[in-house]
Amino acid sequence: MLESEPMPWFGLIFLIAFFSFCFFQAYLLLRHPASWVEWFVRKLWKSFGIAVSIADEQKFRRQTTFLGMVYLISGIIMLGFFVSVGAFGR
């Protein structure tokens, strides 16, 4: 019978960092979309000399809410998968 091996410590650190980033993205997209734009769009394109502004605030809010829900749901599903495999994978 095959037995599962324990996860190496660096794998656990990677998963913690990955899920932290995923849920941080979801939080910013759902609660503070202007901060998300500042951190992940404006600073990125500013180095190329491109200015970013929001023309339609309502459309932007709908799109960030949708994207935030996708991040949140996929993060919860993946976290549930990893927890269930870790708990019942033996």
Protein backbone atom coordinates (compact mmCIF):
# COMPACT_ATOMS: atom_id res chain seq x y z
CA MET A 1 0.00 0.00 0.00
CA LEU A 2 1.29 3.45 -0.89
CA GLU A 3 1.76 6.02 1.82
CA SER A 4 1.89 9.74 1.22
CA GLU A 5 5.02 11.58 2.19
CA PRO A 6 4.90 14.72 4.30
CA MET A 7 5.12 18.03 2.49
CA PRO A 8 8.54 19.68 2.62
CA TRP A 9 8.69 22.92 4.60
CA PHE A 10 9.39 25.04 1.50
CA GLY A 11 6.24 23.67 -0.13
CA LEU A 12 4.21 24.78 2.85
CA ILE A 13 5.81 28.24 2.75
CA PHE A 14 4.99 28.50 -0.97
CA LEU A 15 1.34 27.55 -0.37
CA ILE A 16 1.00 30.05 2.47
CA ALA A 17 2.48 32.82 0.31
CA PHE A 18 0.30 31.84 -2.67
CA PHE A 19 -2.97 31.83 -0.72
CA SER A 20 -2.04 35.01 1.13
CA PHE A 21 -1.48 36.79 -2.18
CA CYS A 22 -4.70 35.34 -3.66
CA PHE A 23 -6.83 36.48 -0.72
CA PHE A 24 -5.05 39.86 -0.58
CA GLN A 25 -5.92 40.41 -4.25
CA ALA A 26 -9.55 39.45 -3.58
CA TYR A 27 -9.72 41.80 -0.59
CA LEU A 28 -8.35 44.74 -2.56
CA LEU A 29 -10.58 44.06 -5.56
CA LEU A 30 -13.74 43.79 -3.46
CA ARG A 31 -13.17 46.46 -0.81
CA HIS A 32 -10.56 48.92 -2.17
CA PRO A 33 -10.42 48.78 -5.98
CA ALA A 34 -8.65 52.16 -6.21
CA SER A 35 -5.79 50.79 -4.08
CA TRP A 36 -5.64 47.71 -6.31
CA VAL A 37 -5.26 49.93 -9.37
CA GLU A 38 -2.57 51.94 -7.63
CA TRP A 39 -0.55 48.89 -6.57
CA PHE A 40 -0.91 46.59 -9.58
CA VAL A 41 -1.67 48.82 -12.58
CA ARG A 42 -0.41 52.39 -12.19
CA LYS A 43 2.98 51.52 -10.73
CA LEU A 44 3.53 48.85 -13.37
CA TRP A 45 2.72 51.07 -16.36
CA LYS A 46 4.31 54.20 -14.90
CA SER A 47 7.76 52.73 -15.56
CA PHE A 48 6.85 52.59 -19.27
CA GLY A 49 5.65 56.22 -19.27
CA ILE A 50 1.95 55.33 -19.54
CA ALA A 51 -0.60 57.07 -17.33
CA VAL A 52 -3.61 55.10 -16.10
CA SER A 53 -6.93 56.67 -15.14
CA ILE A 54 -10.45 55.39 -14.51
CA ALA A 55 -13.01 56.83 -16.95
CA ASP A 56 -16.20 55.01 -15.88
CA GLU A 57 -16.24 54.43 -12.12
CA GLN A 58 -19.41 52.30 -12.12
CA LYS A 59 -18.18 49.94 -14.86
CA PHE A 60 -14.80 49.70 -13.13
CA ARG A 61 -16.49 48.77 -9.83
CA ARG A 62 -18.54 46.01 -11.54
CA GLN A 63 -15.46 44.56 -13.22
CA THR A 64 -13.36 44.58 -10.06
CA THR A 65 -16.20 43.01 -8.07
CA PHE A 66 -16.46 40.20 -10.62
CA LEU A 67 -12.70 39.65 -10.69
CA GLY A 68 -12.53 39.78 -6.89
CA MET A 69 -15.25 37.12 -6.61
CA VAL A 70 -13.34 34.92 -9.08
CA TYR A 71 -10.17 35.27 -6.97
CA LEU A 72 -12.06 34.60 -3.74
CA ILE A 73 -14.01 31.57 -4.98
CA SER A 74 -11.03 29.98 -6.72
CA GLY A 75 -8.85 30.57 -3.63
CA ILE A 76 -11.44 28.96 -1.35
CA ILE A 77 -11.83 25.98 -3.70
CA MET A 78 -8.06 25.47 -3.96
CA LEU A 79 -7.58 25.88 -0.22
CA GLY A 80 -10.35 23.36 0.42
CA PHE A 81 -8.74 20.97 -2.05
CA PHE A 82 -5.33 21.21 -0.38
CA VAL A 83 -6.79 20.83 3.10
CA SER A 84 -8.91 17.82 2.09
CA VAL A 85 -6.00 16.12 0.33
CA GLY A 86 -3.77 16.81 3.33
CA ALA A 87 -6.35 15.53 5.79
CA PHE A 88 -7.71 12.55 3.85
CA GLY A 89 -4.86 11.77 1.45
CA ARG A 90 -3.40 9.02 3.61
